[in-house]
Amino acid sequence: EHGVNNVAVIEKGWLGGGNTGRNTTIIRSNYLWDESAGIYEKSLQ
């Protein structure tokens, strides 16, 4: 989106080995407050 390609992602273990590989995979956006609903709905889209 921004054309910034000279980027490094540094990971102390292995890729996706933390919470990403340990969660229960649920996706939703039905949060009460406008601020929460906005970012979670963008994510769902």
All heavy atoms as atom14 arrays in JSON, in Angstrom:
{
  "sequence": "EHGVNNVAVIEKGWLGGGNTGRNTTIIRSNYLWDESAGIYEKSLQ",
  "atom14_mask": [
    [1, 1, 1, 1, 1, 1, 1, 1, 1, 0, 0, 0, 0, 0],
    [1, 1, 1, 1, 1, 1, 1, 1, 1, 1, 0, 0, 0, 0],
    [1, 1, 1, 1, 0, 0, 0, 0, 0, 0, 0, 0, 0, 0],
    [1, 1, 1, 1, 1, 1, 1, 0, 0, 0, 0, 0, 0, 0],
    [1, 1, 1, 1, 1, 1, 1, 1, 0, 0, 0, 0, 0, 0],
    [1, 1, 1, 1, 1, 1, 1, 1, 0, 0, 0, 0, 0, 0],
    [1, 1, 1, 1, 1, 1, 1, 0, 0, 0, 0, 0, 0, 0],
    [1, 1, 1, 1, 1, 0, 0, 0, 0, 0, 0, 0, 0, 0],
    [1, 1, 1, 1, 1, 1, 1, 0, 0, 0, 0, 0, 0, 0],
    [1, 1, 1, 1, 1, 1, 1, 1, 0, 0, 0, 0, 0, 0],
    [1, 1, 1, 1, 1, 1, 1, 1, 1, 0, 0, 0, 0, 0],
    [1, 1, 1, 1, 1, 1, 1, 1, 1, 0, 0, 0, 0, 0],
    [1, 1, 1, 1, 0, 0, 0, 0, 0, 0, 0, 0, 0, 0],
    [1, 1, 1, 1, 1, 1, 1, 1, 1, 1, 1, 1, 1, 1],
    [1, 1, 1, 1, 1, 1, 1, 1, 0, 0, 0, 0, 0, 0],
    [1, 1, 1, 1, 0, 0, 0, 0, 0, 0, 0, 0, 0, 0],
    [1, 1, 1, 1, 0, 0, 0, 0, 0, 0, 0, 0, 0, 0],
    [1, 1, 1, 1, 0, 0, 0, 0, 0, 0, 0, 0, 0, 0],
    [1, 1, 1, 1, 1, 1, 1, 1, 0, 0, 0, 0, 0, 0],
    [1, 1, 1, 1, 1, 1, 1, 0, 0, 0, 0, 0, 0, 0],
    [1, 1, 1, 1, 0, 0, 0, 0, 0, 0, 0, 0, 0, 0],
    [1, 1, 1, 1, 1, 1, 1, 1, 1, 1, 1, 0, 0, 0],
    [1, 1, 1, 1, 1, 1, 1, 1, 0, 0, 0, 0, 0, 0],
    [1, 1, 1, 1, 1, 1, 1, 0, 0, 0, 0, 0, 0, 0],
    [1, 1, 1, 1, 1, 1, 1, 0, 0, 0, 0, 0, 0, 0],
    [1, 1, 1, 1, 1, 1, 1, 1, 0, 0, 0, 0, 0, 0],
    [1, 1, 1, 1, 1, 1, 1, 1, 0, 0, 0, 0, 0, 0],
    [1, 1, 1, 1, 1, 1, 1, 1, 1, 1, 1, 0, 0, 0],
    [1, 1, 1, 1, 1, 1, 0, 0, 0, 0, 0, 0, 0, 0],
    [1, 1, 1, 1, 1, 1, 1, 1, 0, 0, 0, 0, 0, 0],
    [1, 1, 1, 1, 1, 1, 1, 1, 1, 1, 1, 1, 0, 0],
    [1, 1, 1, 1, 1, 1, 1, 1, 0, 0, 0, 0, 0, 0],
    [1, 1, 1, 1, 1, 1, 1, 1, 1, 1, 1, 1, 1, 1],
    [1, 1, 1, 1, 1, 1, 1, 1, 0, 0, 0, 0, 0, 0],
    [1, 1, 1, 1, 1, 1, 1, 1, 1, 0, 0, 0, 0, 0],
    [1, 1, 1, 1, 1, 1, 0, 0, 0, 0, 0, 0, 0, 0],
    [1, 1, 1, 1, 1, 0, 0, 0, 0, 0, 0, 0, 0, 0],
    [1, 1, 1, 1, 0, 0, 0, 0, 0, 0, 0, 0, 0, 0],
    [1, 1, 1, 1, 1, 1, 1, 1, 0, 0, 0, 0, 0, 0],
    [1, 1, 1, 1, 1, 1, 1, 1, 1, 1, 1, 1, 0, 0],
    [1, 1, 1, 1, 1, 1, 1, 1, 1, 0, 0, 0, 0, 0],
    [1, 1, 1, 1, 1, 1, 1, 1, 1, 0, 0, 0, 0, 0],
    [1, 1, 1, 1, 1, 1, 0, 0, 0, 0, 0, 0, 0, 0],
    [1, 1, 1, 1, 1, 1, 1, 1, 0, 0, 0, 0, 0, 0],
    [1, 1, 1, 1, 1, 1, 1, 1, 1, 0, 0, 0, 0, 0]
  ],
  "atom14_positions": [
    [[0.8, -1.22, 0.0], [0.0, 0.0, 0.0], [0.84, 1.27, 0.0], [0.39, 2.32, -0.47], [-0.93, 0.01, 1.23], [-1.87, -1.17, 1.32], [-2.99, -1.11, 0.29], [-3.26, 0.0, -0.23], [-3.59, -2.17, -0.01], [0.0, 0.0, 0.0], [0.0, 0.0, 0.0], [0.0, 0.0, 0.0], [0.0, 0.0, 0.0], [0.0, 0.0, 0.0]],
    [[2.06, 1.21, 0.55], [2.85, 2.43, 0.73], [4.19, 2.41, 0.0], [4.95, 3.38, 0.07], [3.08, 2.67, 2.23], [1.81, 2.76, 3.01], [1.03, 3.9, 3.07], [1.15, 1.83, 3.77], [-0.04, 3.68, 3.82], [0.01, 2.43, 4.26], [0.0, 0.0, 0.0], [0.0, 0.0, 0.0], [0.0, 0.0, 0.0], [0.0, 0.0, 0.0]],
    [[4.5, 1.31, -0.69], [5.73, 1.24, -1.47], [7.0, 1.21, -0.65], [8.08, 1.49, -1.17], [0.0, 0.0, 0.0], [0.0, 0.0, 0.0], [0.0, 0.0, 0.0], [0.0, 0.0, 0.0], [0.0, 0.0, 0.0], [0.0, 0.0, 0.0], [0.0, 0.0, 0.0], [0.0, 0.0, 0.0], [0.0, 0.0, 0.0], [0.0, 0.0, 0.0]],
    [[6.9, 0.86, 0.63], [8.08, 0.77, 1.5], [8.55, -0.68, 1.48], [8.01, -1.53, 2.19], [7.77, 1.24, 2.94], [9.04, 1.2, 3.79], [7.16, 2.63, 2.93], [0.0, 0.0, 0.0], [0.0, 0.0, 0.0], [0.0, 0.0, 0.0], [0.0, 0.0, 0.0], [0.0, 0.0, 0.0], [0.0, 0.0, 0.0], [0.0, 0.0, 0.0]],
    [[9.56, -0.98, 0.67], [10.0, -2.36, 0.47], [11.23, -2.74, 1.28], [11.48, -3.92, 1.52], [10.3, -2.62, -1.01], [9.11, -2.34, -1.9], [8.89, -1.18, -2.27], [8.34, -3.35, -2.22], [0.0, 0.0, 0.0], [0.0, 0.0, 0.0], [0.0, 0.0, 0.0], [0.0, 0.0, 0.0], [0.0, 0.0, 0.0], [0.0, 0.0, 0.0]],
    [[12.02, -1.73, 1.69], [13.25, -2.0, 2.44], [12.89, -2.22, 3.91], [13.15, -1.38, 4.78], [14.24, -0.85, 2.27], [15.6, -1.17, 2.87], [15.97, -2.34, 3.02], [16.34, -0.14, 3.25], [0.0, 0.0, 0.0], [0.0, 0.0, 0.0], [0.0, 0.0, 0.0], [0.0, 0.0, 0.0], [0.0, 0.0, 0.0], [0.0, 0.0, 0.0]],
    [[12.26, -3.35, 4.16], [11.68, -3.67, 5.48], [12.21, -5.01, 5.94], [12.37, -5.94, 5.14], [10.14, -3.72, 5.4], [9.53, -4.11, 6.74], [9.58, -2.38, 4.94], [0.0, 0.0, 0.0], [0.0, 0.0, 0.0], [0.0, 0.0, 0.0], [0.0, 0.0, 0.0], [0.0, 0.0, 0.0], [0.0, 0.0, 0.0], [0.0, 0.0, 0.0]],
    [[12.48, -5.11, 7.24], [12.85, -6.39, 7.84], [11.85, -6.76, 8.92], [11.45, -5.92, 9.73], [14.25, -6.33, 8.44], [0.0, 0.0, 0.0], [0.0, 0.0, 0.0], [0.0, 0.0, 0.0], [0.0, 0.0, 0.0], [0.0, 0.0, 0.0], [0.0, 0.0, 0.0], [0.0, 0.0, 0.0], [0.0, 0.0, 0.0], [0.0, 0.0, 0.0]],
    [[11.44, -8.02, 8.93], [10.64, -8.58, 10.02], [11.57, -9.47, 10.83], [12.1, -10.45, 10.3], [9.44, -9.38, 9.49], [8.67, -10.0, 10.66], [8.52, -8.5, 8.66], [0.0, 0.0, 0.0], [0.0, 0.0, 0.0], [0.0, 0.0, 0.0], [0.0, 0.0, 0.0], [0.0, 0.0, 0.0], [0.0, 0.0, 0.0], [0.0, 0.0, 0.0]],
    [[11.77, -9.12, 12.09], [12.69, -9.86, 12.96], [11.9, -10.72, 13.93], [11.03, -10.21, 14.65], [13.61, -8.89, 13.73], [14.48, -8.09, 12.76], [14.49, -9.64, 14.71], [15.34, -7.05, 13.45], [0.0, 0.0, 0.0], [0.0, 0.0, 0.0], [0.0, 0.0, 0.0], [0.0, 0.0, 0.0], [0.0, 0.0, 0.0], [0.0, 0.0, 0.0]],
    [[12.19, -12.0, 13.95], [11.47, -12.94, 14.8], [12.48, -13.75, 15.61], [13.4, -14.34, 15.06], [10.61, -13.87, 13.93], [10.02, -15.08, 14.63], [9.19, -14.73, 15.85], [8.36, -13.81, 15.76], [9.38, -15.37, 16.9], [0.0, 0.0, 0.0], [0.0, 0.0, 0.0], [0.0, 0.0, 0.0], [0.0, 0.0, 0.0], [0.0, 0.0, 0.0]],
    [[12.28, -13.78, 16.94], [13.26, -14.48, 17.79], [13.17, -16.0, 17.68], [14.13, -16.71, 17.94], [13.1, -14.06, 19.25], [11.87, -14.6, 19.96], [11.91, -14.26, 21.44], [10.72, -14.85, 22.18], [10.77, -14.54, 23.63], [0.0, 0.0, 0.0], [0.0, 0.0, 0.0], [0.0, 0.0, 0.0], [0.0, 0.0, 0.0], [0.0, 0.0, 0.0]],
    [[12.01, -16.51, 17.29], [11.84, -17.95, 17.12], [11.59, -18.28, 15.67], [12.41, -18.0, 14.81], [0.0, 0.0, 0.0], [0.0, 0.0, 0.0], [0.0, 0.0, 0.0], [0.0, 0.0, 0.0], [0.0, 0.0, 0.0], [0.0, 0.0, 0.0], [0.0, 0.0, 0.0], [0.0, 0.0, 0.0], [0.0, 0.0, 0.0], [0.0, 0.0, 0.0]],
    [[10.42, -18.9, 15.42], [10.06, -19.2, 14.04], [8.77, -18.46, 13.69], [7.98, -18.1, 14.56], [9.89, -20.71, 13.84], [8.8, -21.33, 14.64], [7.51, -21.53, 14.25], [8.88, -21.82, 15.99], [6.78, -22.12, 15.25], [7.6, -22.31, 16.34], [9.9, -21.9, 16.93], [7.33, -22.86, 17.58], [9.63, -22.45, 18.17], [8.35, -22.93, 18.49]],
    [[8.61, -18.22, 12.43], [7.5, -17.44, 11.92], [6.16, -18.02, 12.36], [5.9, -19.22, 12.2], [7.61, -17.41, 10.4], [6.67, -16.58, 9.55], [7.36, -16.2, 8.26], [5.4, -17.36, 9.25], [0.0, 0.0, 0.0], [0.0, 0.0, 0.0], [0.0, 0.0, 0.0], [0.0, 0.0, 0.0], [0.0, 0.0, 0.0], [0.0, 0.0, 0.0]],
    [[5.31, -17.19, 12.96], [3.99, -17.64, 13.4], [4.03, -18.61, 14.56], [3.05, -19.31, 14.8], [0.0, 0.0, 0.0], [0.0, 0.0, 0.0], [0.0, 0.0, 0.0], [0.0, 0.0, 0.0], [0.0, 0.0, 0.0], [0.0, 0.0, 0.0], [0.0, 0.0, 0.0], [0.0, 0.0, 0.0], [0.0, 0.0, 0.0], [0.0, 0.0, 0.0]],
    [[5.14, -18.64, 15.31], [5.28, -19.62, 16.39], [4.77, -19.17, 17.74], [4.82, -19.92, 18.7], [0.0, 0.0, 0.0], [0.0, 0.0, 0.0], [0.0, 0.0, 0.0], [0.0, 0.0, 0.0], [0.0, 0.0, 0.0], [0.0, 0.0, 0.0], [0.0, 0.0, 0.0], [0.0, 0.0, 0.0], [0.0, 0.0, 0.0], [0.0, 0.0, 0.0]],
    [[4.27, -17.94, 17.82], [3.74, -17.43, 19.08], [2.24, -17.61, 19.15], [1.7, -18.69, 18.88], [0.0, 0.0, 0.0], [0.0, 0.0, 0.0], [0.0, 0.0, 0.0], [0.0, 0.0, 0.0], [0.0, 0.0, 0.0], [0.0, 0.0, 0.0], [0.0, 0.0, 0.0], [0.0, 0.0, 0.0], [0.0, 0.0, 0.0], [0.0, 0.0, 0.0]],
    [[1.53, -16.51, 19.45], [0.08, -16.59, 19.59], [-0.62, -16.9, 18.25], [-1.71, -17.47, 18.25], [-0.46, -15.28, 20.15], [-0.05, -15.08, 21.6], [0.43, -16.0, 22.24], [-0.23, -13.88, 22.11], [0.0, 0.0, 0.0], [0.0, 0.0, 0.0], [0.0, 0.0, 0.0], [0.0, 0.0, 0.0], [0.0, 0.0, 0.0], [0.0, 0.0, 0.0]],
    [[0.0, -16.52, 17.14], [-0.61, -16.8, 15.84], [-0.84, -18.3, 15.66], [-1.86, -18.72, 15.12], [0.28, -16.26, 14.7], [0.37, -14.84, 14.82], [-0.29, -16.61, 13.34], [0.0, 0.0, 0.0], [0.0, 0.0, 0.0], [0.0, 0.0, 0.0], [0.0, 0.0, 0.0], [0.0, 0.0, 0.0], [0.0, 0.0, 0.0], [0.0, 0.0, 0.0]],
    [[0.1, -19.11, 16.1], [-0.03, -20.56, 15.97], [-0.75, -21.23, 17.12], [-0.86, -22.45, 17.15], [0.0, 0.0, 0.0], [0.0, 0.0, 0.0], [0.0, 0.0, 0.0], [0.0, 0.0, 0.0], [0.0, 0.0, 0.0], [0.0, 0.0, 0.0], [0.0, 0.0, 0.0], [0.0, 0.0, 0.0], [0.0, 0.0, 0.0], [0.0, 0.0, 0.0]],
    [[-1.29, -20.43, 18.06], [-1.87, -21.01, 19.27], [-3.32, -20.59, 19.52], [-3.9, -20.95, 20.54], [-1.03, -20.6, 20.5], [0.4, -21.1, 20.45], [1.28, -20.39, 21.48], [2.67, -20.76, 21.29], [3.28, -21.75, 21.91], [2.61, -22.46, 22.8], [4.53, -22.05, 21.68], [0.0, 0.0, 0.0], [0.0, 0.0, 0.0], [0.0, 0.0, 0.0]],
    [[-3.89, -19.8, 18.63], [-5.22, -19.27, 18.9], [-6.32, -20.21, 18.39], [-6.04, -21.23, 17.76], [-5.37, -17.88, 18.3], [-5.38, -17.91, 16.79], [-6.4, -18.18, 16.19], [-4.24, -17.67, 16.18], [0.0, 0.0, 0.0], [0.0, 0.0, 0.0], [0.0, 0.0, 0.0], [0.0, 0.0, 0.0], [0.0, 0.0, 0.0], [0.0, 0.0, 0.0]],
    [[-7.56, -19.82, 18.65], [-8.69, -20.68, 18.31], [-9.39, -20.24, 17.02], [-10.5, -20.68, 16.75], [-9.71, -20.74, 19.47], [-10.01, -19.41, 19.9], [-9.13, -21.51, 20.64], [0.0, 0.0, 0.0], [0.0, 0.0, 0.0], [0.0, 0.0, 0.0], [0.0, 0.0, 0.0], [0.0, 0.0, 0.0], [0.0, 0.0, 0.0], [0.0, 0.0, 0.0]],
    [[-8.77, -19.37, 16.25], [-9.09, -19.07, 14.84], [-10.43, -18.38, 14.61], [-10.92, -18.35, 13.48], [-9.02, -20.34, 13.95], [-10.17, -21.15, 14.17], [-7.76, -21.13, 14.21], [0.0, 0.0, 0.0], [0.0, 0.0, 0.0], [0.0, 0.0, 0.0], [0.0, 0.0, 0.0], [0.0, 0.0, 0.0], [0.0, 0.0, 0.0], [0.0, 0.0, 0.0]],
    [[-11.05, -17.8, 15.63], [-12.36, -17.18, 15.46], [-12.23, -15.78, 14.87], [-11.33, -15.03, 15.24], [-13.12, -17.13, 16.8], [-13.36, -18.54, 17.33], [-14.44, -16.37, 16.68], [-13.85, -18.59, 18.76], [0.0, 0.0, 0.0], [0.0, 0.0, 0.0], [0.0, 0.0, 0.0], [0.0, 0.0, 0.0], [0.0, 0.0, 0.0], [0.0, 0.0, 0.0]],
    [[-13.15, -15.44, 13.96], [-13.19, -14.13, 13.32], [-14.59, -13.55, 13.5], [-15.58, -14.22, 13.22], [-12.86, -14.24, 11.81], [-11.43, -14.74, 11.62], [-13.06, -12.9, 11.12], [-11.15, -15.15, 10.19], [0.0, 0.0, 0.0], [0.0, 0.0, 0.0], [0.0, 0.0, 0.0], [0.0, 0.0, 0.0], [0.0, 0.0, 0.0], [0.0, 0.0, 0.0]],
    [[-14.65, -12.31, 13.97], [-15.94, -11.61, 14.06], [-15.66, -10.12, 14.19], [-14.52, -9.71, 14.43], [-16.75, -12.1, 15.27], [-16.11, -11.87, 16.62], [-16.91, -12.51, 17.75], [-16.28, -12.3, 19.06], [-16.56, -11.29, 19.88], [-17.47, -10.38, 19.54], [-15.96, -11.17, 21.05], [0.0, 0.0, 0.0], [0.0, 0.0, 0.0], [0.0, 0.0, 0.0]],
    [[-16.71, -9.3, 14.06], [-16.54, -7.85, 14.2], [-17.67, -7.22, 14.99], [-17.83, -6.0, 14.97], [-16.47, -7.2, 12.81], [-17.68, -7.36, 12.1], [0.0, 0.0, 0.0], [0.0, 0.0, 0.0], [0.0, 0.0, 0.0], [0.0, 0.0, 0.0], [0.0, 0.0, 0.0], [0.0, 0.0, 0.0], [0.0, 0.0, 0.0], [0.0, 0.0, 0.0]],
    [[-18.47, -8.03, 15.7], [-19.66, -7.51, 16.39], [-19.31, -6.96, 17.78], [-19.78, -7.44, 18.8], [-20.74, -8.59, 16.48], [-20.26, -9.87, 17.14], [-19.06, -10.1, 17.3], [-21.2, -10.72, 17.54], [0.0, 0.0, 0.0], [0.0, 0.0, 0.0], [0.0, 0.0, 0.0], [0.0, 0.0, 0.0], [0.0, 0.0, 0.0], [0.0, 0.0, 0.0]],
    [[-18.51, -5.9, 17.79], [-18.12, -5.23, 19.04], [-19.02, -4.03, 19.29], [-19.59, -3.45, 18.36], [-16.66, -4.79, 18.96], [-15.7, -5.94, 19.17], [-15.44, -6.84, 18.14], [-15.09, -6.16, 20.39], [-14.59, -7.91, 18.33], [-14.24, -7.22, 20.59], [-13.99, -8.1, 19.56], [-13.15, -9.16, 19.76], [0.0, 0.0, 0.0], [0.0, 0.0, 0.0]],
    [[-19.14, -3.63, 20.55], [-20.1, -2.58, 20.91], [-19.64, -1.19, 20.51], [-20.33, -0.47, 19.82], [-20.37, -2.63, 22.42], [-21.3, -1.52, 22.94], [-22.7, -1.7, 22.38], [-21.33, -1.49, 24.46], [0.0, 0.0, 0.0], [0.0, 0.0, 0.0], [0.0, 0.0, 0.0], [0.0, 0.0, 0.0], [0.0, 0.0, 0.0], [0.0, 0.0, 0.0]],
    [[-18.44, -0.8, 20.95], [-18.03, 0.59, 20.76], [-17.65, 0.86, 19.32], [-17.1, 0.0, 18.62], [-16.86, 0.93, 21.69], [-17.19, 0.76, 23.15], [-16.55, -0.04, 24.04], [-18.26, 1.38, 23.88], [-17.14, 0.03, 25.28], [-18.19, 0.89, 25.2], [-19.27, 2.28, 23.54], [-19.1, 1.3, 26.18], [-20.17, 2.68, 24.53], [-20.08, 2.19, 25.83]],
    [[-17.92, 2.08, 18.87], [-17.68, 2.46, 17.48], [-16.24, 2.24, 17.07], [-15.95, 1.76, 15.96], [-18.05, 3.93, 17.25], [-19.53, 4.21, 17.44], [-20.31, 3.24, 17.51], [-19.92, 5.39, 17.51], [0.0, 0.0, 0.0], [0.0, 0.0, 0.0], [0.0, 0.0, 0.0], [0.0, 0.0, 0.0], [0.0, 0.0, 0.0], [0.0, 0.0, 0.0]],
    [[-15.3, 2.58, 17.96], [-13.88, 2.46, 17.63], [-13.5, 1.0, 17.4], [-12.79, 0.67, 16.44], [-13.02, 3.06, 18.75], [-13.23, 4.54, 18.99], [-14.37, 4.84, 19.96], [-15.13, 3.91, 20.3], [-14.51, 6.01, 20.38], [0.0, 0.0, 0.0], [0.0, 0.0, 0.0], [0.0, 0.0, 0.0], [0.0, 0.0, 0.0], [0.0, 0.0, 0.0]],
    [[-13.97, 0.12, 18.28], [-13.67, -1.31, 18.14], [-14.34, -1.87, 16.89], [-13.72, -2.61, 16.1], [-14.16, -2.08, 19.36], [-13.56, -1.6, 20.54], [0.0, 0.0, 0.0], [0.0, 0.0, 0.0], [0.0, 0.0, 0.0], [0.0, 0.0, 0.0], [0.0, 0.0, 0.0], [0.0, 0.0, 0.0], [0.0, 0.0, 0.0], [0.0, 0.0, 0.0]],
    [[-15.6, -1.53, 16.71], [-16.34, -2.04, 15.55], [-15.66, -1.62, 14.25], [-15.59, -2.39, 13.3], [-17.78, -1.53, 15.59], [0.0, 0.0, 0.0], [0.0, 0.0, 0.0], [0.0, 0.0, 0.0], [0.0, 0.0, 0.0], [0.0, 0.0, 0.0], [0.0, 0.0, 0.0], [0.0, 0.0, 0.0], [0.0, 0.0, 0.0], [0.0, 0.0, 0.0]],
    [[-15.13, -0.4, 14.22], [-14.5, 0.1, 13.0], [-13.3, -0.72, 12.58], [-13.19, -1.15, 11.42], [0.0, 0.0, 0.0], [0.0, 0.0, 0.0], [0.0, 0.0, 0.0], [0.0, 0.0, 0.0], [0.0, 0.0, 0.0], [0.0, 0.0, 0.0], [0.0, 0.0, 0.0], [0.0, 0.0, 0.0], [0.0, 0.0, 0.0], [0.0, 0.0, 0.0]],
    [[-12.39, -0.98, 13.52], [-11.16, -1.68, 13.15], [-11.41, -3.17, 12.94], [-10.83, -3.79, 12.03], [-10.05, -1.43, 14.2], [-8.69, -1.86, 13.63], [-10.33, -2.13, 15.53], [-7.51, -1.34, 14.42], [0.0, 0.0, 0.0], [0.0, 0.0, 0.0], [0.0, 0.0, 0.0], [0.0, 0.0, 0.0], [0.0, 0.0, 0.0], [0.0, 0.0, 0.0]],
    [[-12.31, -3.77, 13.72], [-12.6, -5.19, 13.53], [-13.39, -5.43, 12.24], [-13.21, -6.46, 11.58], [-13.35, -5.76, 14.73], [-12.45, -6.07, 15.91], [-12.44, -5.26, 17.05], [-11.61, -7.18, 15.9], [-11.61, -5.55, 18.13], [-10.79, -7.47, 16.97], [-10.79, -6.64, 18.08], [-9.98, -6.93, 19.15], [0.0, 0.0, 0.0], [0.0, 0.0, 0.0]],
    [[-14.27, -4.5, 11.88], [-15.02, -4.65, 10.63], [-14.09, -4.49, 9.43], [-14.2, -5.21, 8.43], [-16.16, -3.63, 10.57], [-16.97, -3.65, 9.28], [-17.68, -4.97, 9.01], [-17.83, -5.79, 9.94], [-18.08, -5.19, 7.84], [0.0, 0.0, 0.0], [0.0, 0.0, 0.0], [0.0, 0.0, 0.0], [0.0, 0.0, 0.0], [0.0, 0.0, 0.0]],
    [[-13.13, -3.55, 9.51], [-12.14, -3.41, 8.44], [-11.36, -4.71, 8.29], [-11.09, -5.17, 7.17], [-11.18, -2.26, 8.77], [-10.01, -2.1, 7.79], [-10.5, -1.74, 6.4], [-9.34, -1.55, 5.44], [-9.8, -1.23, 4.06], [0.0, 0.0, 0.0], [0.0, 0.0, 0.0], [0.0, 0.0, 0.0], [0.0, 0.0, 0.0], [0.0, 0.0, 0.0]],
    [[-11.02, -5.32, 9.42], [-10.29, -6.58, 9.39], [-11.11, -7.69, 8.74], [-10.61, -8.45, 7.91], [-9.89, -6.98, 10.81], [-9.03, -8.08, 10.8], [0.0, 0.0, 0.0], [0.0, 0.0, 0.0], [0.0, 0.0, 0.0], [0.0, 0.0, 0.0], [0.0, 0.0, 0.0], [0.0, 0.0, 0.0], [0.0, 0.0, 0.0], [0.0, 0.0, 0.0]],
    [[-12.39, -7.77, 9.1], [-13.25, -8.81, 8.53], [-13.4, -8.61, 7.02], [-13.39, -9.57, 6.24], [-14.62, -8.79, 9.22], [-15.65, -9.82, 8.76], [-15.1, -11.23, 8.78], [-16.92, -9.73, 9.61], [0.0, 0.0, 0.0], [0.0, 0.0, 0.0], [0.0, 0.0, 0.0], [0.0, 0.0, 0.0], [0.0, 0.0, 0.0], [0.0, 0.0, 0.0]],
    [[-13.53, -7.36, 6.6], [-13.62, -7.09, 5.16], [-12.35, -7.52, 4.43], [-12.41, -8.07, 3.33], [-13.89, -5.6, 4.94], [-15.27, -5.15, 5.36], [-15.43, -3.64, 5.35], [-14.52, -2.9, 4.96], [-16.58, -3.15, 5.79], [0.0, 0.0, 0.0], [0.0, 0.0, 0.0], [0.0, 0.0, 0.0], [0.0, 0.0, 0.0], [0.0, 0.0, 0.0]]
  ]
}
